Amino acid sequence: MDPVTAGALVTAVNAAVSGAGGEAGRRALESFGTLVRRVLRRGEGEPAGEPEPVAIPYDDGERLRQLADLLVERARQDPEFGRDLASWMHEHGEAAGEAGAVHNSIAGDARITGPVIQGRDFHGPISFG
């Protein structure tokens, strides 16, 4: 499997976030959170019971990139983690990994009450009406 890059990881996470309204997106984010906990946990073992939630900065591009850099560095140091991260990317980031690909969706129980713009790389003003 190809090594994971921080840019590709951010793209895959963003794709999972955009699909989080559906079951597959929810599972992708849960499994990503499990990987993040493996890197960020302080002790050698997880405490018994429910794993502690990890605040993943999905809505903060700079912090998400920093997290991706940390995960990629850990993947370089720990081959087992690297295989698991690459496996997550293969399973959940395949479509997101296509160069220039855009995958927008509105799904689940979403209620749209106004205009929606979906796309990538907008330049210039956008107005309605």
N, C-alpha and C. Protein backbone atom coordinates (compact mmCIF):
# COMPACT_ATOMS: atom_id res chain seq x y z
N MET A 1 0.84 -1.18 0.00
CA MET A 1 0.00 0.00 0.00
C MET A 1 0.89 1.24 0.00
N ASP A 2 0.50 2.26 -0.72
CA ASP A 2 1.27 3.49 -0.78
C ASP A 2 1.27 4.18 0.57
N PRO A 3 2.36 4.90 0.90
CA PRO A 3 2.38 5.65 2.15
C PRO A 3 1.33 6.76 2.12
N VAL A 4 0.81 7.06 3.28
CA VAL A 4 -0.22 8.08 3.42
C VAL A 4 0.45 9.45 3.51
N THR A 5 -0.09 10.43 2.80
CA THR A 5 0.40 11.80 2.92
C THR A 5 -0.61 12.61 3.71
N ALA A 6 -0.14 13.68 4.33
CA ALA A 6 -1.03 14.52 5.13
C ALA A 6 -2.12 15.14 4.26
N GLY A 7 -1.78 15.57 3.06
CA GLY A 7 -2.79 16.17 2.18
C GLY A 7 -3.88 15.19 1.80
N ALA A 8 -3.48 13.96 1.46
CA ALA A 8 -4.48 12.94 1.11
C ALA A 8 -5.33 12.58 2.31
N LEU A 9 -4.71 12.56 3.50
CA LEU A 9 -5.47 12.25 4.71
C LEU A 9 -6.50 13.34 5.01
N VAL A 10 -6.11 14.60 4.89
CA VAL A 10 -7.06 15.71 5.10
C VAL A 10 -8.21 15.61 4.11
N THR A 11 -7.90 15.31 2.85
CA THR A 11 -8.94 15.17 1.84
C THR A 11 -9.90 14.04 2.19
N ALA A 12 -9.36 12.92 2.64
CA ALA A 12 -10.21 11.77 3.00
C ALA A 12 -11.08 12.09 4.21
N VAL A 13 -10.50 12.78 5.20
CA VAL A 13 -11.28 13.15 6.39
C VAL A 13 -12.39 14.11 5.99
N ASN A 14 -12.08 15.09 5.15
CA ASN A 14 -13.11 16.02 4.69
C ASN A 14 -14.22 15.31 3.93
N ALA A 15 -13.86 14.32 3.13
CA ALA A 15 -14.87 13.54 2.41
C ALA A 15 -15.74 12.76 3.39
N ALA A 16 -15.13 12.20 4.43
CA ALA A 16 -15.91 11.48 5.44
C ALA A 16 -16.83 12.42 6.19
N VAL A 17 -16.34 13.62 6.50
CA VAL A 17 -17.17 14.62 7.20
C VAL A 17 -18.35 15.01 6.33
N SER A 18 -18.12 15.21 5.04
CA SER A 18 -19.22 15.64 4.16
C SER A 18 -20.25 14.53 4.01
N GLY A 19 -19.85 13.29 4.22
CA GLY A 19 -20.80 12.17 4.14
C GLY A 19 -21.26 11.69 5.49
N ALA A 20 -20.95 12.45 6.55
CA ALA A 20 -21.24 11.99 7.92
C ALA A 20 -22.72 11.88 8.22
N GLY A 21 -23.59 12.45 7.38
CA GLY A 21 -25.02 12.32 7.62
C GLY A 21 -25.50 10.91 7.38
N GLY A 22 -24.74 10.13 6.64
CA GLY A 22 -25.12 8.76 6.36
C GLY A 22 -24.38 7.78 7.26
N GLU A 23 -24.80 6.55 7.24
CA GLU A 23 -24.21 5.51 8.07
C GLU A 23 -22.74 5.28 7.74
N ALA A 24 -22.40 5.24 6.46
CA ALA A 24 -21.01 5.01 6.07
C ALA A 24 -20.10 6.14 6.56
N GLY A 25 -20.56 7.37 6.44
CA GLY A 25 -19.78 8.50 6.92
C GLY A 25 -19.59 8.47 8.42
N ARG A 26 -20.64 8.09 9.14
CA ARG A 26 -20.56 8.00 10.60
C ARG A 26 -19.53 6.94 10.99
N ARG A 27 -19.57 5.78 10.33
CA ARG A 27 -18.61 4.71 10.63
C ARG A 27 -17.19 5.15 10.30
N ALA A 28 -17.02 5.86 9.20
CA ALA A 28 -15.70 6.33 8.80
C ALA A 28 -15.12 7.26 9.87
N LEU A 29 -15.95 8.18 10.38
CA LEU A 29 -15.46 9.12 11.39
C LEU A 29 -15.20 8.42 12.71
N GLU A 30 -16.02 7.44 13.07
CA GLU A 30 -15.77 6.68 14.30
C GLU A 30 -14.45 5.94 14.22
N SER A 31 -14.19 5.28 13.09
CA SER A 31 -12.95 4.53 12.96
C SER A 31 -11.74 5.48 12.89
N PHE A 32 -11.93 6.66 12.29
CA PHE A 32 -10.85 7.64 12.28
C PHE A 32 -10.56 8.11 13.71
N GLY A 33 -11.61 8.34 14.50
CA GLY A 33 -11.43 8.73 15.90
C GLY A 33 -10.67 7.68 16.69
N THR A 34 -10.90 6.41 16.39
CA THR A 34 -10.16 5.33 17.05
C THR A 34 -8.67 5.42 16.72
N LEU A 35 -8.35 5.69 15.46
CA LEU A 35 -6.95 5.86 15.07
C LEU A 35 -6.32 7.06 15.77
N VAL A 36 -7.05 8.16 15.84
CA VAL A 36 -6.53 9.36 16.50
C VAL A 36 -6.27 9.09 17.97
N ARG A 37 -7.20 8.38 18.64
CA ARG A 37 -7.01 8.06 20.06
C ARG A 37 -5.75 7.24 20.27
N ARG A 38 -5.42 6.35 19.33
CA ARG A 38 -4.21 5.54 19.48
C ARG A 38 -2.96 6.42 19.54
N VAL A 39 -2.98 7.53 18.84
CA VAL A 39 -1.82 8.42 18.82
C VAL A 39 -1.85 9.39 19.99
N LEU A 40 -3.02 9.88 20.36
CA LEU A 40 -3.11 10.93 21.36
C LEU A 40 -3.24 10.44 22.80
N ARG A 41 -3.56 9.16 23.00
CA ARG A 41 -3.75 8.68 24.38
C ARG A 41 -2.44 8.80 25.15
N ARG A 42 -2.58 8.99 26.44
CA ARG A 42 -1.40 9.26 27.25
C ARG A 42 -0.76 8.00 27.83
N GLY A 43 -1.54 7.01 28.16
CA GLY A 43 -0.98 5.80 28.77
C GLY A 43 -0.77 4.71 27.75
N GLU A 44 -0.26 3.60 28.19
CA GLU A 44 -0.06 2.46 27.30
C GLU A 44 -1.36 1.78 26.95
N GLY A 45 -2.33 1.81 27.87
CA GLY A 45 -3.59 1.12 27.61
C GLY A 45 -4.77 2.05 27.71
N GLU A 46 -5.83 1.68 27.00
CA GLU A 46 -7.07 2.43 27.10
C GLU A 46 -7.74 2.09 28.43
N PRO A 47 -8.38 3.04 29.08
CA PRO A 47 -9.11 2.70 30.30
C PRO A 47 -10.28 1.79 29.97
N ALA A 48 -10.69 1.03 30.96
CA ALA A 48 -11.83 0.12 30.75
C ALA A 48 -13.09 0.93 30.48
N GLY A 49 -14.01 0.33 29.78
CA GLY A 49 -15.28 1.00 29.48
C GLY A 49 -15.20 1.73 28.16
N GLU A 50 -16.06 2.72 28.02
CA GLU A 50 -16.14 3.49 26.78
C GLU A 50 -14.87 4.30 26.57
N PRO A 51 -14.34 4.34 25.34
CA PRO A 51 -13.15 5.16 25.09
C PRO A 51 -13.50 6.64 25.23
N GLU A 52 -12.53 7.37 25.71
CA GLU A 52 -12.73 8.80 25.89
C GLU A 52 -12.86 9.48 24.53
N PRO A 53 -13.82 10.40 24.36
CA PRO A 53 -13.97 11.07 23.07
C PRO A 53 -12.75 11.95 22.77
N VAL A 54 -12.44 12.06 21.51
CA VAL A 54 -11.34 12.90 21.06
C VAL A 54 -11.94 14.02 20.23
N ALA A 55 -11.57 15.26 20.54
CA ALA A 55 -12.07 16.40 19.76
C ALA A 55 -11.21 16.53 18.51
N ILE A 56 -11.76 16.09 17.39
CA ILE A 56 -11.05 16.19 16.12
C ILE A 56 -11.50 17.48 15.43
N PRO A 57 -10.54 18.33 15.04
CA PRO A 57 -10.88 19.66 14.51
C PRO A 57 -11.37 19.62 13.06
N TYR A 58 -12.52 18.98 12.84
CA TYR A 58 -13.04 18.84 11.47
C TYR A 58 -13.30 20.18 10.80
N ASP A 59 -13.64 21.19 11.59
CA ASP A 59 -14.01 22.48 11.01
C ASP A 59 -12.88 23.52 11.06
N ASP A 60 -11.68 23.08 11.41
CA ASP A 60 -10.53 23.98 11.48
C ASP A 60 -9.42 23.41 10.60
N GLY A 61 -9.30 23.93 9.39
CA GLY A 61 -8.37 23.38 8.41
C GLY A 61 -6.94 23.32 8.89
N GLU A 62 -6.48 24.36 9.58
CA GLU A 62 -5.09 24.40 10.05
C GLU A 62 -4.84 23.33 11.11
N ARG A 63 -5.74 23.22 12.07
CA ARG A 63 -5.57 22.20 13.12
C ARG A 63 -5.73 20.80 12.55
N LEU A 64 -6.63 20.61 11.58
CA LEU A 64 -6.80 19.30 10.97
C LEU A 64 -5.52 18.91 10.23
N ARG A 65 -4.90 19.86 9.56
CA ARG A 65 -3.63 19.59 8.87
C ARG A 65 -2.53 19.23 9.87
N GLN A 66 -2.50 19.92 11.01
CA GLN A 66 -1.51 19.59 12.05
C GLN A 66 -1.73 18.17 12.57
N LEU A 67 -3.00 17.80 12.77
CA LEU A 67 -3.32 16.44 13.21
C LEU A 67 -2.89 15.43 12.15
N ALA A 68 -3.16 15.73 10.88
CA ALA A 68 -2.77 14.84 9.79
C ALA A 68 -1.25 14.68 9.75
N ASP A 69 -0.52 15.77 9.94
CA ASP A 69 0.95 15.70 9.97
C ASP A 69 1.42 14.79 11.10
N LEU A 70 0.80 14.92 12.28
CA LEU A 70 1.13 14.09 13.43
C LEU A 70 0.86 12.61 13.13
N LEU A 71 -0.29 12.32 12.53
CA LEU A 71 -0.64 10.94 12.22
C LEU A 71 0.29 10.33 11.18
N VAL A 72 0.65 11.11 10.17
CA VAL A 72 1.56 10.62 9.14
C VAL A 72 2.94 10.36 9.74
N GLU A 73 3.40 11.25 10.61
CA GLU A 73 4.70 11.04 11.27
C GLU A 73 4.65 9.77 12.12
N ARG A 74 3.57 9.59 12.87
CA ARG A 74 3.42 8.37 13.68
C ARG A 74 3.40 7.13 12.79
N ALA A 75 2.76 7.22 11.62
CA ALA A 75 2.72 6.10 10.69
C ALA A 75 4.12 5.74 10.20
N ARG A 76 4.97 6.73 10.05
CA ARG A 76 6.36 6.47 9.64
C ARG A 76 7.14 5.76 10.74
N GLN A 77 6.83 6.09 11.99
CA GLN A 77 7.55 5.52 13.13
C GLN A 77 7.01 4.16 13.54
N ASP A 78 5.74 3.92 13.32
CA ASP A 78 5.08 2.70 13.79
C ASP A 78 4.43 1.99 12.59
N PRO A 79 5.09 0.97 12.06
CA PRO A 79 4.58 0.30 10.86
C PRO A 79 3.17 -0.27 11.03
N GLU A 80 2.84 -0.77 12.20
CA GLU A 80 1.49 -1.31 12.42
C GLU A 80 0.45 -0.19 12.29
N PHE A 81 0.73 0.95 12.94
CA PHE A 81 -0.18 2.09 12.82
C PHE A 81 -0.23 2.57 11.37
N GLY A 82 0.91 2.58 10.71
CA GLY A 82 0.96 2.99 9.31
C GLY A 82 0.08 2.12 8.43
N ARG A 83 0.11 0.81 8.66
CA ARG A 83 -0.76 -0.10 7.89
C ARG A 83 -2.23 0.17 8.19
N ASP A 84 -2.55 0.42 9.46
CA ASP A 84 -3.94 0.69 9.84
C ASP A 84 -4.43 2.01 9.24
N LEU A 85 -3.58 3.03 9.25
CA LEU A 85 -3.96 4.32 8.68
C LEU A 85 -4.12 4.20 7.16
N ALA A 86 -3.20 3.49 6.52
CA ALA A 86 -3.30 3.29 5.07
C ALA A 86 -4.56 2.49 4.73
N SER A 87 -4.90 1.53 5.57
CA SER A 87 -6.11 0.74 5.35
C SER A 87 -7.35 1.63 5.47
N TRP A 88 -7.36 2.53 6.47
CA TRP A 88 -8.49 3.46 6.62
C TRP A 88 -8.61 4.34 5.38
N MET A 89 -7.45 4.82 4.91
CA MET A 89 -7.46 5.66 3.70
C MET A 89 -7.99 4.89 2.51
N HIS A 90 -7.57 3.65 2.38
CA HIS A 90 -8.02 2.83 1.24
C HIS A 90 -9.53 2.61 1.31
N GLU A 91 -10.03 2.35 2.51
CA GLU A 91 -11.46 2.08 2.67
C GLU A 91 -12.32 3.33 2.59
N HIS A 92 -11.87 4.40 3.22
CA HIS A 92 -12.73 5.58 3.35
C HIS A 92 -12.27 6.77 2.52
N GLY A 93 -11.09 6.72 1.97
CA GLY A 93 -10.58 7.88 1.23
C GLY A 93 -10.34 7.62 -0.23
N GLU A 94 -10.73 6.46 -0.72
CA GLU A 94 -10.45 6.10 -2.11
C GLU A 94 -11.01 7.14 -3.08
N ALA A 95 -12.28 7.46 -2.97
CA ALA A 95 -12.88 8.43 -3.89
C ALA A 95 -12.31 9.82 -3.66
N ALA A 96 -12.00 10.13 -2.39
CA ALA A 96 -11.47 11.45 -2.09
C ALA A 96 -10.05 11.63 -2.61
N GLY A 97 -9.34 10.52 -2.82
CA GLY A 97 -7.97 10.59 -3.25
C GLY A 97 -7.79 10.94 -4.72
N GLU A 98 -8.85 10.92 -5.51
CA GLU A 98 -8.73 11.25 -6.92
C GLU A 98 -8.37 12.72 -7.04
N ALA A 99 -7.35 13.02 -7.82
CA ALA A 99 -6.90 14.40 -7.96
C ALA A 99 -8.03 15.28 -8.48
N GLY A 100 -8.32 16.35 -7.74
CA GLY A 100 -9.33 17.30 -8.17
C GLY A 100 -10.76 16.83 -7.99
N ALA A 101 -10.97 15.67 -7.40
CA ALA A 101 -12.32 15.15 -7.25
C ALA A 101 -13.11 15.98 -6.26
N VAL A 102 -14.37 16.15 -6.55
CA VAL A 102 -15.28 16.85 -5.65
C VAL A 102 -16.46 15.93 -5.41
N HIS A 103 -16.78 15.70 -4.16
CA HIS A 103 -17.90 14.83 -3.80
C HIS A 103 -18.76 15.57 -2.79
N ASN A 104 -19.72 16.30 -3.26
CA ASN A 104 -20.62 17.04 -2.39
C ASN A 104 -21.91 16.24 -2.24
N SER A 105 -22.51 16.33 -1.08
CA SER A 105 -23.80 15.67 -0.90
C SER A 105 -24.57 16.32 0.22
N ILE A 106 -25.86 16.20 0.12
CA ILE A 106 -26.76 16.57 1.21
C ILE A 106 -27.59 15.32 1.42
N ALA A 107 -27.51 14.76 2.60
CA ALA A 107 -28.11 13.45 2.79
C ALA A 107 -28.79 13.34 4.15
N GLY A 108 -29.33 12.17 4.37
CA GLY A 108 -29.94 11.89 5.66
C GLY A 108 -31.22 12.68 5.84
N ASP A 109 -31.37 13.22 7.03
CA ASP A 109 -32.58 13.97 7.37
C ASP A 109 -32.39 15.47 7.18
N ALA A 110 -31.48 15.84 6.29
CA ALA A 110 -31.21 17.26 6.06
C ALA A 110 -32.45 17.98 5.56
N ARG A 111 -32.70 19.16 6.12
CA ARG A 111 -33.79 20.02 5.64
C ARG A 111 -33.15 21.30 5.13
N ILE A 112 -33.32 21.54 3.87
CA ILE A 112 -32.74 22.72 3.24
C ILE A 112 -33.82 23.80 3.19
N THR A 113 -33.50 24.95 3.77
CA THR A 113 -34.49 26.03 3.81
C THR A 113 -34.05 27.25 2.99
N GLY A 114 -32.94 27.12 2.31
CA GLY A 114 -32.46 28.23 1.51
C GLY A 114 -31.50 27.73 0.44
N PRO A 115 -30.86 28.65 -0.23
CA PRO A 115 -29.94 28.27 -1.30
C PRO A 115 -28.77 27.44 -0.76
N VAL A 116 -28.24 26.57 -1.60
CA VAL A 116 -27.09 25.74 -1.25
C VAL A 116 -26.08 25.83 -2.39
N ILE A 117 -24.84 25.99 -2.03
CA ILE A 117 -23.77 25.96 -3.02
C ILE A 117 -22.87 24.80 -2.64
N GLN A 118 -22.62 23.93 -3.60
CA GLN A 118 -21.66 22.85 -3.39
C GLN A 118 -20.66 22.92 -4.52
N GLY A 119 -19.42 22.73 -4.20
CA GLY A 119 -18.40 22.78 -5.23
C GLY A 119 -17.03 22.81 -4.61
N ARG A 120 -16.10 23.35 -5.36
CA ARG A 120 -14.72 23.42 -4.89
C ARG A 120 -14.05 24.62 -5.53
N ASP A 121 -13.13 25.21 -4.81
CA ASP A 121 -12.30 26.29 -5.34
C ASP A 121 -13.11 27.44 -5.90
N PHE A 122 -14.00 28.00 -5.11
CA PHE A 122 -14.77 29.16 -5.54
C PHE A 122 -13.87 30.39 -5.56
N HIS A 123 -14.05 31.22 -6.56
CA HIS A 123 -13.29 32.45 -6.68
C HIS A 123 -14.27 33.57 -6.99
N GLY A 124 -14.15 34.66 -6.26
CA GLY A 124 -15.04 35.79 -6.51
C GLY A 124 -16.29 35.72 -5.68
N PRO A 125 -17.12 36.72 -5.78
CA PRO A 125 -18.32 36.80 -4.95
C PRO A 125 -19.40 35.82 -5.40
N ILE A 126 -20.21 35.43 -4.45
CA ILE A 126 -21.37 34.60 -4.71
C ILE A 126 -22.56 35.33 -4.08
N SER A 127 -23.62 35.48 -4.83
CA SER A 127 -24.80 36.15 -4.26
C SER A 127 -26.07 35.45 -4.75
N PHE A 128 -27.11 35.60 -4.00
CA PHE A 128 -28.42 35.05 -4.35
C PHE A 128 -29.40 36.21 -4.44
N GLY A 129 -30.18 36.22 -5.50
CA GLY A 129 -31.24 37.22 -5.62
C GLY A 129 -30.80 38.47 -6.18
